[in-house]
Amino acid sequence: MKNPKRYTVPYRRKREMKTDYKKRVAYLKSGRNRLVIRKSLKNILGQIVAFDAKGDKIIASVSSKELSKMGWSFSNNNMSASYLTGYMLGVKAAAKNVSDAILDLGLQSTPKGGKLYAFLKGVLDGGITVPHDDTILPSEERIKGAHIANYAKELKSKDEAAFKKQFSGYAKTSINPDNITSQFEELKNKIKGAK
């Protein structure tokens, strides 16, 4: 009688879809710092991580929650907030003498020109070198939030009721969607000045 095939239980983090062990080994073999970007429903988090045999060491870390403390009144999970959070991480890491890293997006879906790549663009502009293909980065217009302001203007002129429904969260807090690009520039300069 033949032995039935044996089943090997995968590691817990692999079962939970949290870790791709093949990628992680490749990152560790490179010996370089990792730029780790993770997003939740309301925020985005970034870290520069160095490998250590006793456990990964976090060199620099930021969360988009920090933007609100600096005066950002829009969503902490949109394209502009993602870029600004990445820019803040790049500035912090450069101040700690980090010059380069490799991108670690984990098992997240990564659409071309999406928020994760806006974060990457912010890190690059903050002074950190990360190998990438420029075609994956979003346009400057989307990074600055001009698409939100343009859509709000267009919707307001066509259908006031639809505008109020779509931007009701902004209305409750007296935020004008037209101001996103100016607030973006103001906050970027504030982060740059905090070097």
Protein backbone atom coordinates (compact mmCIF):
# COMPACT_ATOMS: atom_id res chain seq x y z
CA MET A 1 0.00 0.00 0.00
CA LYS A 2 1.31 3.43 -1.01
CA ASN A 3 1.74 6.20 1.54
CA PRO A 4 -0.73 9.03 1.08
CA LYS A 5 0.83 12.36 0.07
CA ARG A 6 1.94 14.39 3.02
CA TYR A 7 0.61 17.87 3.49
CA THR A 8 2.90 20.58 4.81
CA VAL A 9 1.18 23.42 6.63
CA PRO A 10 2.48 26.79 5.33
CA TYR A 11 3.90 29.33 7.76
CA ARG A 12 1.22 31.32 9.59
CA ARG A 13 2.15 34.67 8.00
CA LYS A 14 2.01 33.06 4.55
CA ARG A 15 -1.45 31.59 5.30
CA GLU A 16 -2.62 35.01 6.46
CA MET A 17 -1.27 36.55 3.23
CA LYS A 18 1.07 38.84 5.19
CA THR A 19 4.52 37.67 4.04
CA ASP A 20 5.96 36.47 0.75
CA TYR A 21 8.98 34.56 2.04
CA LYS A 22 10.71 34.28 -1.36
CA LYS A 23 10.65 38.05 -1.78
CA ARG A 24 11.72 38.61 1.82
CA VAL A 25 14.77 36.36 1.36
CA ALA A 26 15.70 38.27 -1.81
CA TYR A 27 15.41 41.60 0.06
CA LEU A 28 17.57 40.32 2.90
CA LYS A 29 20.22 38.90 0.55
CA SER A 30 20.57 42.33 -1.07
CA GLY A 31 21.87 43.72 2.24
CA ARG A 32 20.15 47.05 1.56
CA ASN A 33 17.65 49.05 3.57
CA ARG A 34 14.01 48.44 2.68
CA LEU A 35 11.41 51.13 2.02
CA VAL A 36 8.29 49.49 3.48
CA ILE A 37 4.94 51.06 2.52
CA ARG A 38 1.63 49.85 3.93
CA LYS A 39 -1.87 51.33 3.68
CA SER A 40 -5.04 50.99 5.71
CA LEU A 41 -8.52 52.33 5.01
CA LYS A 42 -7.78 55.74 6.54
CA ASN A 43 -3.99 56.14 6.64
CA ILE A 44 -0.72 55.23 4.98
CA LEU A 45 2.45 54.22 6.83
CA GLY A 46 6.05 54.15 5.63
CA GLN A 47 9.30 52.96 7.18
CA ILE A 48 12.96 52.63 6.28
CA VAL A 49 13.96 49.25 7.71
CA ALA A 50 17.41 47.69 8.10
CA PHE A 51 17.90 43.97 8.64
CA ASP A 52 19.37 42.76 11.91
CA ALA A 53 19.77 39.13 12.98
CA LYS A 54 17.89 39.88 16.21
CA GLY A 55 15.04 41.57 14.33
CA ASP A 56 14.49 44.33 11.79
CA LYS A 57 15.55 47.83 12.91
CA ILE A 58 13.39 50.78 11.95
CA ILE A 59 15.59 53.72 10.96
CA ALA A 60 12.78 56.17 10.17
CA SER A 61 9.01 55.90 10.29
CA VAL A 62 6.05 58.14 9.37
CA SER A 63 2.27 57.92 9.27
CA SER A 64 -0.14 60.12 7.34
CA LYS A 65 -1.72 60.95 10.73
CA GLU A 66 1.21 63.33 11.22
CA LEU A 67 -0.08 65.47 8.32
CA SER A 68 -3.20 66.44 10.29
CA LYS A 69 -0.99 67.75 13.10
CA MET A 70 0.84 69.90 10.54
CA GLY A 71 -2.37 71.47 9.21
CA TRP A 72 -3.54 69.06 6.47
CA SER A 73 -7.34 69.20 6.43
CA PHE A 74 -8.04 66.71 3.62
CA SER A 75 -8.11 62.90 3.69
CA ASN A 76 -5.03 61.13 5.09
CA ASN A 77 -5.42 58.40 2.48
CA ASN A 78 -5.63 60.26 -0.83
CA MET A 79 -2.92 60.66 -3.49
CA SER A 80 -1.66 64.01 -2.15
CA ALA A 81 -1.45 62.78 1.45
CA SER A 82 0.39 59.68 0.26
CA TYR A 83 3.00 61.81 -1.56
CA LEU A 84 3.44 64.19 1.39
CA THR A 85 3.87 61.29 3.82
CA GLY A 86 6.50 59.76 1.52
CA TYR A 87 8.22 63.14 1.21
CA MET A 88 8.30 63.45 5.00
CA LEU A 89 9.87 59.98 5.27
CA GLY A 90 12.47 60.85 2.61
CA VAL A 91 13.44 64.03 4.47
CA LYS A 92 13.64 62.20 7.85
CA ALA A 93 15.68 59.32 6.41
CA ALA A 94 18.08 61.66 4.57
CA ALA A 95 18.65 63.52 7.87
CA LYS A 96 19.72 60.15 9.36
CA ASN A 97 22.24 59.63 6.52
CA VAL A 98 20.17 57.08 4.60
CA SER A 99 20.85 57.51 0.90
CA ASP A 100 19.16 54.54 -0.74
CA ALA A 101 16.68 51.69 -0.21
CA ILE A 102 14.77 49.03 -2.12
CA LEU A 103 10.98 49.06 -2.39
CA ASP A 104 8.99 46.55 -0.32
CA LEU A 105 5.24 46.68 -1.00
CA GLY A 106 4.51 43.28 0.50
CA LEU A 107 1.46 41.49 -0.88
CA GLN A 108 -0.59 44.63 -1.62
CA SER A 109 -2.07 45.18 -5.06
CA THR A 110 -0.07 47.89 -6.77
CA PRO A 111 -1.85 49.62 -9.67
CA LYS A 112 0.38 51.76 -11.89
CA GLY A 113 0.16 55.43 -10.85
CA GLY A 114 -1.55 54.56 -7.54
CA LYS A 115 -1.15 55.86 -3.99
CA LEU A 116 1.73 53.53 -3.14
CA TYR A 117 3.73 54.92 -6.06
CA ALA A 118 2.79 58.48 -5.06
CA PHE A 119 4.41 57.65 -1.71
CA LEU A 120 7.49 56.36 -3.57
CA LYS A 121 7.65 59.63 -5.57
CA GLY A 122 7.59 61.56 -2.29
CA VAL A 123 10.49 59.50 -0.91
CA LEU A 124 12.47 60.08 -4.11
CA ASP A 125 11.85 63.84 -3.94
CA GLY A 126 12.84 63.74 -0.26
CA GLY A 127 16.35 62.65 -1.24
CA ILE A 128 16.38 58.83 -1.12
CA THR A 129 17.41 56.77 -4.16
CA VAL A 130 15.09 53.81 -4.83
CA PRO A 131 15.37 51.68 -8.00
CA HIS A 132 12.13 52.08 -10.00
CA ASP A 133 10.62 52.58 -13.44
CA ASP A 134 9.38 56.17 -14.00
CA THR A 135 6.30 54.92 -15.89
CA ILE A 136 4.73 53.64 -12.62
CA LEU A 137 4.73 57.09 -10.96
CA PRO A 138 1.55 59.22 -10.99
CA SER A 139 1.44 62.59 -12.76
CA GLU A 140 2.30 65.82 -10.94
CA GLU A 141 -1.30 67.02 -11.40
CA ARG A 142 -2.70 63.99 -9.54
CA ILE A 143 -0.04 64.21 -6.83
CA LYS A 144 -0.94 67.85 -6.11
CA GLY A 145 -4.66 67.02 -6.01
CA ALA A 146 -5.59 69.13 -9.04
CA HIS A 147 -7.85 66.31 -10.27
CA ILE A 148 -9.91 66.60 -7.06
CA ALA A 149 -10.24 70.39 -7.38
CA ASN A 150 -11.13 70.15 -11.09
CA TYR A 151 -13.72 67.44 -10.48
CA ALA A 152 -15.27 69.46 -7.64
CA LYS A 153 -15.56 72.57 -9.86
CA GLU A 154 -17.04 70.60 -12.75
CA LEU A 155 -19.55 68.79 -10.54
CA LYS A 156 -20.58 71.99 -8.75
CA SER A 157 -21.30 73.75 -12.06
CA LYS A 158 -23.30 70.80 -13.45
CA ASP A 159 -25.18 69.40 -10.45
CA GLU A 160 -25.18 71.19 -7.09
CA ALA A 161 -27.01 68.32 -5.33
CA ALA A 162 -24.47 65.74 -6.57
CA PHE A 163 -21.63 68.07 -5.48
CA LYS A 164 -23.08 68.39 -1.96
CA LYS A 165 -23.50 64.63 -1.73
CA GLN A 166 -20.01 63.80 -3.05
CA PHE A 167 -18.21 66.41 -0.94
CA SER A 168 -20.46 66.32 2.15
CA GLY A 169 -17.53 65.37 4.40
CA TYR A 170 -15.68 68.52 3.31
CA ALA A 171 -18.81 70.67 3.81
CA LYS A 172 -19.22 69.44 7.40
CA THR A 173 -15.73 70.67 8.27
CA SER A 174 -15.92 73.81 6.09
CA ILE A 175 -13.18 72.62 3.73
CA ASN A 176 -13.16 73.89 0.15
CA PRO A 177 -11.90 71.20 -2.30
CA ASP A 178 -10.49 74.01 -4.49
CA ASN A 179 -7.82 74.66 -1.82
CA ILE A 180 -6.16 71.24 -2.00
CA THR A 181 -3.32 72.27 -4.34
CA SER A 182 -2.43 75.39 -2.36
CA GLN A 183 -2.53 73.47 0.94
CA PHE A 184 -0.39 70.75 -0.67
CA GLU A 185 2.32 73.27 -1.62
CA GLU A 186 2.16 74.95 1.78
CA LEU A 187 2.60 71.65 3.63
CA LYS A 188 5.39 70.47 1.32
CA ASN A 189 7.33 73.67 2.05
CA LYS A 190 6.71 73.19 5.79
CA ILE A 191 8.12 69.62 5.61
CA LYS A 192 11.10 70.85 3.58
CA GLY A 193 11.76 73.59 6.17
CA ALA A 194 11.68 71.04 9.01
CA LYS A 195 14.89 69.32 7.79
